[in-house]
PDB file of N, CA and C in Angstrom:
ATOM      1  N   MET A   1       0.816  -1.202   0.000  1.00  0.00           N
ATOM      2  CA  MET A   1       0.000   0.000   0.000  1.00  0.00           C
ATOM      3  C   MET A   1       0.854   1.258   0.000  1.00  0.00           C
ATOM      4  N   SER A   2       1.976   1.228   0.724  1.00  0.00           N
ATOM      5  CA  SER A   2       2.788   2.447   0.778  1.00  0.00           C
ATOM      6  C   SER A   2       3.507   2.696  -0.549  1.00  0.00           C
ATOM      7  N   LEU A   3       3.866   1.635  -1.277  1.00  0.00           N
ATOM      8  CA  LEU A   3       4.475   1.835  -2.588  1.00  0.00           C
ATOM      9  C   LEU A   3       3.491   2.504  -3.538  1.00  0.00           C
ATOM     10  N   LEU A   4       2.236   2.113  -3.471  1.00  0.00           N
ATOM     11  CA  LEU A   4       1.208   2.734  -4.288  1.00  0.00           C
ATOM     12  C   LEU A   4       1.049   4.219  -3.934  1.00  0.00           C
ATOM     13  N   LEU A   5       1.084   4.545  -2.647  1.00  0.00           N
ATOM     14  CA  LEU A   5       0.995   5.949  -2.232  1.00  0.00           C
ATOM     15  C   LEU A   5       2.208   6.755  -2.689  1.00  0.00           C
ATOM     16  N   VAL A   6       3.372   6.137  -2.677  1.00  0.00           N
ATOM     17  CA  VAL A   6       4.579   6.818  -3.160  1.00  0.00           C
ATOM     18  C   VAL A   6       4.452   7.127  -4.646  1.00  0.00           C
ATOM     19  N   ILE A   7       3.987   6.162  -5.413  1.00  0.00           N
ATOM     20  CA  ILE A   7       3.818   6.366  -6.856  1.00  0.00           C
ATOM     21  C   ILE A   7       2.763   7.430  -7.125  1.00  0.00           C
ATOM     22  N   ILE A   8       1.648   7.371  -6.408  1.00  0.00           N
ATOM     23  CA  ILE A   8       0.591   8.367  -6.588  1.00  0.00           C
ATOM     24  C   ILE A   8       1.103   9.760  -6.243  1.00  0.00           C
ATOM     25  N   ALA A   9       1.791   9.901  -5.121  1.00  0.00           N
ATOM     26  CA  ALA A   9       2.299  11.207  -4.707  1.00  0.00           C
ATOM     27  C   ALA A   9       3.297  11.754  -5.715  1.00  0.00           C
ATOM     28  N   THR A  10       4.146  10.895  -6.254  1.00  0.00           N
ATOM     29  CA  THR A  10       5.156  11.341  -7.215  1.00  0.00           C
ATOM     30  C   THR A  10       4.523  11.725  -8.550  1.00  0.00           C
ATOM     31  N   VAL A  11       3.633  10.914  -9.046  1.00  0.00           N
ATOM     32  CA  VAL A  11       2.999  11.202 -10.338  1.00  0.00           C
ATOM     33  C   VAL A  11       2.125  12.450 -10.247  1.00  0.00           C
ATOM     34  N   VAL A  12       1.343  12.554  -9.191  1.00  0.00           N
ATOM     35  CA  VAL A  12       0.472  13.716  -9.031  1.00  0.00           C
ATOM     36  C   VAL A  12       1.306  14.981  -8.810  1.00  0.00           C
ATOM     37  N   GLY A  13       2.390  14.881  -8.048  1.00  0.00           N
ATOM     38  CA  GLY A  13       3.269  16.037  -7.842  1.00  0.00           C
ATOM     39  C   GLY A  13       3.947  16.478  -9.128  1.00  0.00           C
ATOM     40  N   THR A  14       4.378  15.520  -9.934  1.00  0.00           N
ATOM     41  CA  THR A  14       4.988  15.852 -11.217  1.00  0.00           C
ATOM     42  C   THR A  14       3.974  16.505 -12.150  1.00  0.00           C
ATOM     43  N   ALA A  15       2.771  15.963 -12.185  1.00  0.00           N
ATOM     44  CA  ALA A  15       1.717  16.560 -13.025  1.00  0.00           C
ATOM     45  C   ALA A  15       1.372  17.965 -12.540  1.00  0.00           C
ATOM     46  N   ALA A  16       1.352  18.168 -11.228  1.00  0.00           N
ATOM     47  CA  ALA A  16       1.054  19.489 -10.673  1.00  0.00           C
ATOM     48  C   ALA A  16       2.114  20.502 -11.087  1.00  0.00           C
ATOM     49  N   ALA A  17       3.367  20.112 -10.973  1.00  0.00           N
ATOM     50  CA  ALA A  17       4.444  21.024 -11.349  1.00  0.00           C
ATOM     51  C   ALA A  17       4.411  21.346 -12.834  1.00  0.00           C
ATOM     52  N   MET A  18       4.118  20.351 -13.659  1.00  0.00           N
ATOM     53  CA  MET A  18       4.040  20.608 -15.096  1.00  0.00           C
ATOM     54  C   MET A  18       2.854  21.505 -15.444  1.00  0.00           C
ATOM     55  N   LEU A  19       1.714  21.299 -14.794  1.00  0.00           N
ATOM     56  CA  LEU A  19       0.565  22.162 -15.048  1.00  0.00           C
ATOM     57  C   LEU A  19       0.835  23.593 -14.602  1.00  0.00           C
ATOM     58  N   LEU A  20       1.511  23.751 -13.484  1.00  0.00           N
ATOM     59  CA  LEU A  20       1.851  25.099 -13.035  1.00  0.00           C
ATOM     60  C   LEU A  20       2.867  25.748 -13.972  1.00  0.00           C
ATOM     61  N   TYR A  21       3.788  24.954 -14.504  1.00  0.00           N
ATOM     62  CA  TYR A  21       4.753  25.506 -15.451  1.00  0.00           C
ATOM     63  C   TYR A  21       4.068  25.911 -16.757  1.00  0.00           C
ATOM     64  N   VAL A  22       3.163  25.082 -17.254  1.00  0.00           N
ATOM     65  CA  VAL A  22       2.465  25.379 -18.507  1.00  0.00           C
ATOM     66  C   VAL A  22       1.561  26.610 -18.344  1.00  0.00           C
ATOM     67  N   ALA A  23       1.134  26.896 -17.133  1.00  0.00           N
ATOM     68  CA  ALA A  23       0.290  28.069 -16.891  1.00  0.00           C
ATOM     69  C   ALA A  23       1.085  29.377 -16.899  1.00  0.00           C
ATOM     70  N   SER A  24       2.409  29.290 -16.841  1.00  0.00           N
ATOM     71  CA  SER A  24       3.207  30.517 -16.819  1.00  0.00           C
ATOM     72  C   SER A  24       3.306  31.117 -18.220  1.00  0.00           C
ATOM     73  N   PRO A  25       3.353  32.441 -18.323  1.00  0.00           N
ATOM     74  CA  PRO A  25       3.335  33.070 -19.643  1.00  0.00           C
ATOM     75  C   PRO A  25       4.613  32.863 -20.459  1.00  0.00           C
ATOM     76  N   GLN A  26       5.731  32.541 -19.847  1.00  0.00           N
ATOM     77  CA  GLN A  26       6.993  32.426 -20.566  1.00  0.00           C
ATOM     78  C   GLN A  26       7.349  30.995 -20.959  1.00  0.00           C
ATOM     79  N   GLN A  27       6.458  30.059 -20.732  1.00  0.00           N
ATOM     80  CA  GLN A  27       6.771  28.658 -21.033  1.00  0.00           C
ATOM     81  C   GLN A  27       6.833  28.435 -22.535  1.00  0.00           C
ATOM     82  N   GLN A  28       7.569  27.400 -22.943  1.00  0.00           N
ATOM     83  CA  GLN A  28       7.716  27.079 -24.358  1.00  0.00           C
ATOM     84  C   GLN A  28       7.258  25.657 -24.693  1.00  0.00           C
ATOM     85  N   LEU A  29       6.674  24.965 -23.731  1.00  0.00           N
ATOM     86  CA  LEU A  29       6.229  23.602 -24.009  1.00  0.00           C
ATOM     87  C   LEU A  29       5.059  23.584 -24.977  1.00  0.00           C
ATOM     88  N   ARG A  30       4.107  24.454 -24.772  1.00  0.00           N
ATOM     89  CA  ARG A  30       2.949  24.526 -25.668  1.00  0.00           C
ATOM     90  C   ARG A  30       3.240  25.517 -26.776  1.00  0.00           C
ATOM     91  N   ALA A  31       2.972  25.125 -28.000  1.00  0.00           N
ATOM     92  CA  ALA A  31       3.194  26.028 -29.131  1.00  0.00           C
ATOM     93  C   ALA A  31       2.207  27.190 -29.105  1.00  0.00           C
ATOM     94  N   ALA A  32       1.029  26.967 -28.540  1.00  0.00           N
ATOM     95  CA  ALA A  32      -0.003  28.005 -28.490  1.00  0.00           C
ATOM     96  C   ALA A  32       0.200  28.976 -27.328  1.00  0.00           C
ATOM     97  N   GLY A  33       1.214  28.769 -26.513  1.00  0.00           N
ATOM     98  CA  GLY A  33       1.447  29.646 -25.377  1.00  0.00           C
ATOM     99  C   GLY A  33       0.848  29.069 -24.097  1.00  0.00           C
ATOM    100  N   PRO A  34       0.697  29.897 -23.059  1.00  0.00           N
ATOM    101  CA  PRO A  34       0.176  29.385 -21.793  1.00  0.00           C
ATOM    102  C   PRO A  34      -1.308  29.032 -21.906  1.00  0.00           C
ATOM    103  N   TRP A  35      -1.814  28.376 -20.878  1.00  0.00           N
ATOM    104  CA  TRP A  35      -3.235  28.042 -20.847  1.00  0.00           C
ATOM    105  C   TRP A  35      -4.045  29.314 -21.029  1.00  0.00           C
ATOM    106  N   PRO A  36      -5.100  29.276 -21.786  1.00  0.00           N
ATOM    107  CA  PRO A  36      -5.823  30.500 -22.121  1.00  0.00           C
ATOM    108  C   PRO A  36      -6.719  31.057 -21.017  1.00  0.00           C
ATOM    109  N   THR A  37      -7.008  30.314 -19.993  1.00  0.00           N
ATOM    110  CA  THR A  37      -7.941  30.795 -18.987  1.00  0.00           C
ATOM    111  C   THR A  37      -7.263  31.727 -17.994  1.00  0.00           C
ATOM    112  N   ARG A  38      -8.080  32.492 -17.327  1.00  0.00           N
ATOM    113  CA  ARG A  38      -7.564  33.456 -16.353  1.00  0.00           C
ATOM    114  C   ARG A  38      -7.024  32.766 -15.104  1.00  0.00           C
ATOM    115  N   HIS A  39      -7.660  31.697 -14.695  1.00  0.00           N
ATOM    116  CA  HIS A  39      -7.241  30.973 -13.491  1.00  0.00           C
ATOM    117  C   HIS A  39      -6.583  29.646 -13.872  1.00  0.00           C
ATOM    118  N   ALA A  40      -5.576  29.708 -14.691  1.00  0.00           N
ATOM    119  CA  ALA A  40      -4.932  28.494 -15.194  1.00  0.00           C
ATOM    120  C   ALA A  40      -4.123  27.777 -14.119  1.00  0.00           C
ATOM    121  N   TRP A  41      -3.847  28.424 -13.029  1.00  0.00           N
ATOM    122  CA  TRP A  41      -3.022  27.822 -11.987  1.00  0.00           C
ATOM    123  C   TRP A  41      -3.826  26.937 -11.037  1.00  0.00           C
ATOM    124  N   TRP A  42      -5.152  26.959 -11.100  1.00  0.00           N
ATOM    125  CA  TRP A  42      -5.972  26.165 -10.191  1.00  0.00           C
ATOM    126  C   TRP A  42      -5.739  24.657 -10.310  1.00  0.00           C
ATOM    127  N   PRO A  43      -5.754  24.076 -11.497  1.00  0.00           N
ATOM    128  CA  PRO A  43      -5.560  22.607 -11.564  1.00  0.00           C
ATOM    129  C   PRO A  43      -4.215  22.167 -10.989  1.00  0.00           C
ATOM    130  N   GLY A  44      -3.165  22.901 -11.307  1.00  0.00           N
ATOM    131  CA  GLY A  44      -1.856  22.553 -10.771  1.00  0.00           C
ATOM    132  C   GLY A  44      -1.782  22.707  -9.270  1.00  0.00           C
ATOM    133  N   SER A  45      -2.418  23.738  -8.753  1.00  0.00           N
ATOM    134  CA  SER A  45      -2.415  23.960  -7.303  1.00  0.00           C
ATOM    135  C   SER A  45      -3.177  22.869  -6.566  1.00  0.00           C
ATOM    136  N   VAL A  46      -4.301  22.466  -7.114  1.00  0.00           N
ATOM    137  CA  VAL A  46      -5.088  21.395  -6.485  1.00  0.00           C
ATOM    138  C   VAL A  46      -4.300  20.086  -6.481  1.00  0.00           C
ATOM    139  N   LEU A  47      -3.666  19.779  -7.608  1.00  0.00           N
ATOM    140  CA  LEU A  47      -2.864  18.550  -7.659  1.00  0.00           C
ATOM    141  C   LEU A  47      -1.658  18.625  -6.726  1.00  0.00           C
ATOM    142  N   ALA A  48      -1.077  19.809  -6.568  1.00  0.00           N
ATOM    143  CA  ALA A  48       0.049  19.956  -5.655  1.00  0.00           C
ATOM    144  C   ALA A  48      -0.379  19.696  -4.212  1.00  0.00           C
ATOM    145  N   VAL A  49      -1.527  20.186  -3.833  1.00  0.00           N
ATOM    146  CA  VAL A  49      -2.030  19.936  -2.479  1.00  0.00           C
ATOM    147  C   VAL A  49      -2.345  18.458  -2.286  1.00  0.00           C
ATOM    148  N   VAL A  50      -2.920  17.821  -3.295  1.00  0.00           N
ATOM    149  CA  VAL A  50      -3.195  16.380  -3.213  1.00  0.00           C
ATOM    150  C   VAL A  50      -1.888  15.605  -3.052  1.00  0.00           C
ATOM    151  N   SER A  51      -0.873  16.001  -3.787  1.00  0.00           N
ATOM    152  CA  SER A  51       0.428  15.347  -3.672  1.00  0.00           C
ATOM    153  C   SER A  51       1.016  15.530  -2.270  1.00  0.00           C
ATOM    154  N   LEU A  52       0.913  16.738  -1.739  1.00  0.00           N
ATOM    155  CA  LEU A  52       1.432  16.993  -0.393  1.00  0.00           C
ATOM    156  C   LEU A  52       0.677  16.169   0.641  1.00  0.00           C
ATOM    157  N   LEU A  53      -0.630  16.110   0.535  1.00  0.00           N
ATOM    158  CA  LEU A  53      -1.418  15.334   1.494  1.00  0.00           C
ATOM    159  C   LEU A  53      -1.117  13.846   1.392  1.00  0.00           C
ATOM    160  N   THR A  54      -0.841  13.369   0.186  1.00  0.00           N
ATOM    161  CA  THR A  54      -0.474  11.959   0.020  1.00  0.00           C
ATOM    162  C   THR A  54       0.891  11.688   0.650  1.00  0.00           C
ATOM    163  N   MET A  55       1.831  12.609   0.448  1.00  0.00           N
ATOM    164  CA  MET A  55       3.146  12.434   1.075  1.00  0.00           C
ATOM    165  C   MET A  55       3.055  12.523   2.592  1.00  0.00           C
ATOM    166  N   TRP A  56       2.102  13.310   3.064  1.00  0.00           N
ATOM    167  CA  TRP A  56       1.913  13.479   4.502  1.00  0.00           C
ATOM    168  C   TRP A  56       1.510  12.159   5.153  1.00  0.00           C
ATOM    169  N   GLN A  57       0.814  11.310   4.399  1.00  0.00           N
ATOM    170  CA  GLN A  57       0.420  10.001   4.909  1.00  0.00           C
ATOM    171  C   GLN A  57       1.616   9.055   5.030  1.00  0.00           C
ATOM    172  N   LEU A  58       2.659   9.305   4.264  1.00  0.00           N
ATOM    173  CA  LEU A  58       3.814   8.405   4.227  1.00  0.00           C
ATOM    174  C   LEU A  58       4.933   8.815   5.159  1.00  0.00           C
ATOM    175  N   LEU A  59       5.127  10.120   5.325  1.00  0.00           N
ATOM    176  CA  LEU A  59       6.287  10.638   6.034  1.00  0.00           C
ATOM    177  C   LEU A  59       5.859  11.534   7.188  1.00  0.00           C
ATOM    178  N   ALA A  60       6.823  11.892   8.011  1.00  0.00           N
ATOM    179  CA  ALA A  60       6.581  12.883   9.052  1.00  0.00           C
ATOM    180  C   ALA A  60       6.320  14.232   8.379  1.00  0.00           C
ATOM    181  N   PRO A  61       5.633  15.150   9.045  1.00  0.00           N
ATOM    182  CA  PRO A  61       5.263  16.414   8.393  1.00  0.00           C
ATOM    183  C   PRO A  61       6.440  17.182   7.783  1.00  0.00           C
ATOM    184  N   LEU A  62       7.518  17.346   8.499  1.00  0.00           N
ATOM    185  CA  LEU A  62       8.657  18.088   7.968  1.00  0.00           C
ATOM    186  C   LEU A  62       9.303  17.361   6.788  1.00  0.00           C
ATOM    187  N   GLU A  63       9.395  16.052   6.880  1.00  0.00           N
ATOM    188  CA  GLU A  63       9.958  15.269   5.780  1.00  0.00           C
ATOM    189  C   GLU A  63       9.049  15.295   4.554  1.00  0.00           C
ATOM    190  N   ALA A  64       7.756  15.264   4.774  1.00  0.00           N
ATOM    191  CA  ALA A  64       6.808  15.304   3.659  1.00  0.00           C
ATOM    192  C   ALA A  64       6.902  16.633   2.922  1.00  0.00           C
ATOM    193  N   ILE A  65       6.955  17.734   3.648  1.00  0.00           N
ATOM    194  CA  ILE A  65       7.062  19.051   3.017  1.00  0.00           C
ATOM    195  C   ILE A  65       8.382  19.176   2.275  1.00  0.00           C
ATOM    196  N   SER A  66       9.449  18.683   2.869  1.00  0.00           N
ATOM    197  CA  SER A  66      10.759  18.751   2.228  1.00  0.00           C
ATOM    198  C   SER A  66      10.795  17.918   0.943  1.00  0.00           C
ATOM    199  N   ALA A  67      10.301  16.694   0.999  1.00  0.00           N
ATOM    200  CA  ALA A  67      10.289  15.833  -0.194  1.00  0.00           C
ATOM    201  C   ALA A  67       9.396  16.428  -1.276  1.00  0.00           C
ATOM    202  N   TRP A  68       8.269  16.993  -0.884  1.00  0.00           N
ATOM    203  CA  TRP A  68       7.339  17.614  -1.827  1.00  0.00           C
ATOM    204  C   TRP A  68       7.989  18.801  -2.522  1.00  0.00           C
ATOM    205  N   LEU A  69       8.670  19.644  -1.758  1.00  0.00           N
ATOM    206  CA  LEU A  69       9.348  20.806  -2.349  1.00  0.00           C
ATOM    207  C   LEU A  69      10.499  20.381  -3.261  1.00  0.00           C
ATOM    208  N   VAL A  70      11.211  19.344  -2.883  1.00  0.00           N
ATOM    209  CA  VAL A  70      12.292  18.846  -3.734  1.00  0.00           C
ATOM    210  C   VAL A  70      11.732  18.318  -5.049  1.00  0.00           C
ATOM    211  N   LEU A  71      10.624  17.596  -4.991  1.00  0.00           N
ATOM    212  CA  LEU A  71       9.998  17.072  -6.216  1.00  0.00           C
ATOM    213  C   LEU A  71       9.558  18.209  -7.125  1.00  0.00           C
ATOM    214  N   LEU A  72       8.865  19.208  -6.577  1.00  0.00           N
ATOM    215  CA  LEU A  72       8.410  20.330  -7.391  1.00  0.00           C
ATOM    216  C   LEU A  72       9.587  21.106  -7.976  1.00  0.00           C
ATOM    217  N   THR A  73      10.621  21.314  -7.174  1.00  0.00           N
ATOM    218  CA  THR A  73      11.788  22.042  -7.655  1.00  0.00           C
ATOM    219  C   THR A  73      12.503  21.272  -8.758  1.00  0.00           C
ATOM    220  N   LEU A  74      12.591  19.965  -8.619  1.00  0.00           N
ATOM    221  CA  LEU A  74      13.224  19.151  -9.650  1.00  0.00           C
ATOM    222  C   LEU A  74      12.477  19.252 -10.976  1.00  0.00           C
ATOM    223  N   VAL A  75      11.166  19.148 -10.927  1.00  0.00           N
ATOM    224  CA  VAL A  75      10.381  19.226 -12.160  1.00  0.00           C
ATOM    225  C   VAL A  75      10.476  20.624 -12.760  1.00  0.00           C
ATOM    226  N   TRP A  76      10.401  21.656 -11.915  1.00  0.00           N
ATOM    227  CA  TRP A  76      10.504  23.027 -12.419  1.00  0.00           C
ATOM    228  C   TRP A  76      11.899  23.344 -12.952  1.00  0.00           C
ATOM    229  N   SER A  77      12.910  22.591 -12.545  1.00  0.00           N
ATOM    230  CA  SER A  77      14.257  22.786 -13.081  1.00  0.00           C
ATOM    231  C   SER A  77      14.417  22.121 -14.445  1.00  0.00           C
ATOM    232  N   ILE A  78      13.712  21.034 -14.661  1.00  0.00           N
ATOM    233  CA  ILE A  78      13.823  20.294 -15.914  1.00  0.00           C
ATOM    234  C   ILE A  78      12.883  20.846 -16.985  1.00  0.00           C
ATOM    235  N   ALA A  79      11.725  21.354 -16.588  1.00  0.00           N
ATOM    236  CA  ALA A  79      10.695  21.801 -17.537  1.00  0.00           C
ATOM    237  C   ALA A  79      11.178  22.858 -18.536  1.00  0.00           C
ATOM    238  N   PRO A  80      11.940  23.878 -18.140  1.00  0.00           N
ATOM    239  CA  PRO A  80      12.396  24.858 -19.147  1.00  0.00           C
ATOM    240  C   PRO A  80      13.287  24.239 -20.220  1.00  0.00           C
ATOM    241  N   PHE A  81      14.084  23.258 -19.847  1.00  0.00           N
ATOM    242  CA  PHE A  81      14.937  22.602 -20.833  1.00  0.00           C
ATOM    243  C   PHE A  81      14.104  21.762 -21.800  1.00  0.00           C
ATOM    244  N   LEU A  82      13.064  21.116 -21.288  1.00  0.00           N
ATOM    245  CA  LEU A  82      12.157  20.385 -22.176  1.00  0.00           C
ATOM    246  C   LEU A  82      11.440  21.340 -23.120  1.00  0.00           C
ATOM    247  N   GLY A  83      11.060  22.515 -22.602  1.00  0.00           N
ATOM    248  CA  GLY A  83      10.413  23.517 -23.447  1.00  0.00           C
ATOM    249  C   GLY A  83      11.335  24.045 -24.529  1.00  0.00           C
ATOM    250  N   ALA A  84      12.582  24.294 -24.178  1.00  0.00           N
ATOM    251  CA  ALA A  84      13.549  24.766 -25.169  1.00  0.00           C
ATOM    252  C   ALA A  84      13.803  23.694 -26.230  1.00  0.00           C
ATOM    253  N   TRP A  85      13.868  22.446 -25.798  1.00  0.00           N
ATOM    254  CA  TRP A  85      14.062  21.359 -26.749  1.00  0.00           C
ATOM    255  C   TRP A  85      12.868  21.257 -27.697  1.00  0.00           C
ATOM    256  N   ARG A  86      11.646  21.346 -27.153  1.00  0.00           N
ATOM    257  CA  ARG A  86      10.448  21.282 -28.002  1.00  0.00           C
ATOM    258  C   ARG A  86      10.377  22.455 -28.969  1.00  0.00           C
ATOM    259  N   ALA A  87      10.765  23.652 -28.514  1.00  0.00           N
ATOM    260  CA  ALA A  87      10.761  24.825 -29.396  1.00  0.00           C
ATOM    261  C   ALA A  87      11.773  24.638 -30.523  1.00  0.00           C
ATOM    262  N   ARG A  88      12.909  24.045 -30.197  1.00  0.00           N
ATOM    263  CA  ARG A  88      13.932  23.793 -31.220  1.00  0.00           C
ATOM    264  C   ARG A  88      13.433  22.789 -32.246  1.00  0.00           C
ATOM    265  N   VAL A  89      12.762  21.737 -31.783  1.00  0.00           N
ATOM    266  CA  VAL A  89      12.222  20.732 -32.707  1.00  0.00           C
ATOM    267  C   VAL A  89      11.145  21.361 -33.589  1.00  0.00           C
ATOM    268  N   ARG A  90      10.289  22.196 -33.010  1.00  0.00           N
ATOM    269  CA  ARG A  90       9.264  22.866 -33.814  1.00  0.00           C
ATOM    270  C   ARG A  90       9.877  23.797 -34.845  1.00  0.00           C
ATOM    271  N   ALA A  91      10.959  24.491 -34.483  1.00  0.00           N
ATOM    272  CA  ALA A  91      11.619  25.406 -35.424  1.00  0.00           C
ATOM    273  C   ALA A  91      12.265  24.623 -36.572  1.00  0.00           C
ATOM    274  N   ARG A  92      12.810  23.459 -36.273  1.00  0.00           N
ATOM    275  CA  ARG A  92      13.412  22.641 -37.346  1.00  0.00           C
ATOM    276  C   ARG A  92      12.347  22.111 -38.304  1.00  0.00           C
ATOM    277  N   ARG A  93      11.195  21.770 -37.772  1.00  0.00           N
ATOM    278  CA  ARG A  93      10.120  21.271 -38.631  1.00  0.00           C
ATOM    279  C   ARG A  93       9.544  22.369 -39.504  1.00  0.00           C
ATOM    280  N   ALA A  94       9.588  23.607 -39.031  1.00  0.00           N
ATOM    281  CA  ALA A  94       9.037  24.724 -39.791  1.00  0.00           C
ATOM    282  C   ALA A  94       9.908  25.096 -40.977  1.00  0.00           C
ATOM    283  N   THR A  95      11.200  24.799 -40.904  1.00  0.00           N
ATOM    284  CA  THR A  95      12.092  25.158 -42.021  1.00  0.00           C
ATOM    285  C   THR A  95      12.263  24.045 -42.998  1.00  0.00           C
TER     286      THR A  95
END
């Protein structure tokens, strides 16, 4: 059961970080730009809280917050490079 909670917390946390990144105006992952709605950060925020609460079930409170922040920071560190790579691939296809 705890392995399942670890996988759920990690996948949901990664999805939350990616949704929050895609909601930012400077992202390059989506060719159409950021999410078009005014409150585009809501889905990512809800998933981030779900991820934190899931980690809270597995770890002590301080450890859960620390692991959650490390996961979000890791995804937010990798996402701009994925966006730059996707923009480069799109530019090559256009020429």
